[in-house]
Amino acid sequence: MVTRDWTTGRGSAHAIRVEHWHLFSGRARVLLDGHEVWGRSSKWYDTGFECRFEVDGVACLVRALYRTWHYEYELWADGKLQ
């Protein structure tokens, strides 16, 4: 399993975590302050995902971008790459 962590928010800090399992299981989830905001139990041959949610009224987007045999992870908050 791969994990990526970020901290973001207006006024107070919020923890955002991506947990992403094996390429062929496709299992993934996004957590905000330890609470799941998006999850997928499985997908045959995982090609990545996008998850949109809000933190303190700020639009956020988490992306898992498939690159040959690995992934790149991004957090966008208020239209800016974090």
C-alpha atoms as a PDB file:
ATOM      1  CA  MET A   1       0.000   0.000   0.000  1.00  0.00           C
ATOM      2  CA  VAL A   2       1.149   3.516  -0.823  1.00  0.00           C
ATOM      3  CA  THR A   3       0.164   6.484   1.362  1.00  0.00           C
ATOM      4  CA  ARG A   4       0.460  10.208   0.674  1.00  0.00           C
ATOM      5  CA  ASP A   5      -0.253  12.898   3.261  1.00  0.00           C
ATOM      6  CA  TRP A   6      -0.931  16.634   2.993  1.00  0.00           C
ATOM      7  CA  THR A   7      -2.067  19.357   5.373  1.00  0.00           C
ATOM      8  CA  THR A   8      -4.356  22.138   4.154  1.00  0.00           C
ATOM      9  CA  GLY A   9      -7.166  24.418   5.270  1.00  0.00           C
ATOM     10  CA  ARG A  10      -8.162  27.967   6.110  1.00  0.00           C
ATOM     11  CA  GLY A  11      -7.842  28.931   9.743  1.00  0.00           C
ATOM     12  CA  SER A  12      -7.181  25.416  11.019  1.00  0.00           C
ATOM     13  CA  ALA A  13      -5.085  22.615   9.562  1.00  0.00           C
ATOM     14  CA  HIS A  14      -6.732  19.485   8.171  1.00  0.00           C
ATOM     15  CA  ALA A  15      -4.970  16.226   7.369  1.00  0.00           C
ATOM     16  CA  ILE A  16      -5.646  14.622   3.986  1.00  0.00           C
ATOM     17  CA  ARG A  17      -4.393  11.106   3.318  1.00  0.00           C
ATOM     18  CA  VAL A  18      -4.522   8.852   0.272  1.00  0.00           C
ATOM     19  CA  GLU A  19      -4.228   5.104   0.787  1.00  0.00           C
ATOM     20  CA  HIS A  20      -3.785   3.233  -2.465  1.00  0.00           C
ATOM     21  CA  TRP A  21      -3.205  -0.489  -2.817  1.00  0.00           C
ATOM     22  CA  HIS A  22      -1.859  -2.660  -5.623  1.00  0.00           C
ATOM     23  CA  LEU A  23      -2.283  -1.929  -9.355  1.00  0.00           C
ATOM     24  CA  PHE A  24      -4.394  -5.053  -9.860  1.00  0.00           C
ATOM     25  CA  SER A  25      -6.594  -4.733  -6.749  1.00  0.00           C
ATOM     26  CA  GLY A  26      -7.534  -1.098  -7.330  1.00  0.00           C
ATOM     27  CA  ARG A  27      -8.455  -0.580  -3.693  1.00  0.00           C
ATOM     28  CA  ALA A  28      -8.125   3.062  -2.666  1.00  0.00           C
ATOM     29  CA  ARG A  29      -9.496   5.610  -0.230  1.00  0.00           C
ATOM     30  CA  VAL A  30      -9.140   9.272   0.657  1.00  0.00           C
ATOM     31  CA  LEU A  31      -9.326  10.359   4.292  1.00  0.00           C
ATOM     32  CA  LEU A  32      -9.974  13.824   5.706  1.00  0.00           C
ATOM     33  CA  ASP A  33      -8.954  14.103   9.361  1.00  0.00           C
ATOM     34  CA  GLY A  34      -9.157  10.304   9.615  1.00  0.00           C
ATOM     35  CA  HIS A  35     -12.672  10.042   8.115  1.00  0.00           C
ATOM     36  CA  GLU A  36     -13.188   8.457   4.707  1.00  0.00           C
ATOM     37  CA  VAL A  37     -14.524  10.911   2.111  1.00  0.00           C
ATOM     38  CA  TRP A  38     -14.088   8.561  -0.850  1.00  0.00           C
ATOM     39  CA  GLY A  39     -13.371   4.886  -1.236  1.00  0.00           C
ATOM     40  CA  ARG A  40     -13.228   2.077  -3.767  1.00  0.00           C
ATOM     41  CA  SER A  41     -13.026  -1.565  -2.739  1.00  0.00           C
ATOM     42  CA  SER A  42     -11.662  -2.896  -6.017  1.00  0.00           C
ATOM     43  CA  LYS A  43     -11.202  -2.289  -9.717  1.00  0.00           C
ATOM     44  CA  TRP A  44      -9.604  -4.633 -12.188  1.00  0.00           C
ATOM     45  CA  TYR A  45      -6.476  -2.920 -13.539  1.00  0.00           C
ATOM     46  CA  ASP A  46      -6.437   0.431 -11.769  1.00  0.00           C
ATOM     47  CA  THR A  47      -5.733   3.401 -14.065  1.00  0.00           C
ATOM     48  CA  GLY A  48      -6.044   6.081 -11.366  1.00  0.00           C
ATOM     49  CA  PHE A  49      -8.818   8.172  -9.861  1.00  0.00           C
ATOM     50  CA  GLU A  50     -10.044  11.642  -8.906  1.00  0.00           C
ATOM     51  CA  CYS A  51     -11.801  12.589  -5.684  1.00  0.00           C
ATOM     52  CA  ARG A  52     -13.475  15.984  -5.102  1.00  0.00           C
ATOM     53  CA  PHE A  53     -14.469  17.326  -1.683  1.00  0.00           C
ATOM     54  CA  GLU A  54     -14.449  20.536   0.379  1.00  0.00           C
ATOM     55  CA  VAL A  55     -12.320  21.586   3.336  1.00  0.00           C
ATOM     56  CA  ASP A  56     -13.506  24.714   5.186  1.00  0.00           C
ATOM     57  CA  GLY A  57     -15.357  25.833   2.054  1.00  0.00           C
ATOM     58  CA  VAL A  58     -12.308  25.307  -0.185  1.00  0.00           C
ATOM     59  CA  ALA A  59     -12.754  22.970  -3.152  1.00  0.00           C
ATOM     60  CA  CYS A  60     -10.176  20.163  -3.125  1.00  0.00           C
ATOM     61  CA  LEU A  61      -9.233  17.546  -5.676  1.00  0.00           C
ATOM     62  CA  VAL A  62      -7.037  14.504  -5.071  1.00  0.00           C
ATOM     63  CA  ARG A  63      -5.704  12.713  -8.144  1.00  0.00           C
ATOM     64  CA  ALA A  64      -3.898   9.420  -8.584  1.00  0.00           C
ATOM     65  CA  LEU A  65      -2.337   9.561 -12.042  1.00  0.00           C
ATOM     66  CA  TYR A  66      -1.200   6.279 -13.555  1.00  0.00           C
ATOM     67  CA  ARG A  67       2.255   6.335 -15.057  1.00  0.00           C
ATOM     68  CA  THR A  68       3.869   3.197 -16.417  1.00  0.00           C
ATOM     69  CA  TRP A  69       3.913   0.846 -13.418  1.00  0.00           C
ATOM     70  CA  HIS A  70       3.632   3.608 -10.816  1.00  0.00           C
ATOM     71  CA  TYR A  71       1.350   6.474  -9.763  1.00  0.00           C
ATOM     72  CA  GLU A  72       1.773  10.169  -9.105  1.00  0.00           C
ATOM     73  CA  TYR A  73      -0.435  11.775  -6.479  1.00  0.00           C
ATOM     74  CA  GLU A  74      -1.642  15.366  -6.461  1.00  0.00           C
ATOM     75  CA  LEU A  75      -3.676  17.537  -4.138  1.00  0.00           C
ATOM     76  CA  TRP A  76      -5.289  20.647  -5.599  1.00  0.00           C
ATOM     77  CA  ALA A  77      -6.861  23.137  -3.170  1.00  0.00           C
ATOM     78  CA  ASP A  78      -8.600  26.299  -4.320  1.00  0.00           C
ATOM     79  CA  GLY A  79      -7.253  25.684  -7.837  1.00  0.00           C
ATOM     80  CA  LYS A  80      -3.618  25.469  -6.714  1.00  0.00           C
ATOM     81  CA  LEU A  81      -1.354  22.433  -6.676  1.00  0.00           C
ATOM     82  CA  GLN A  82      -0.207  21.764  -3.099  1.00  0.00           C
END
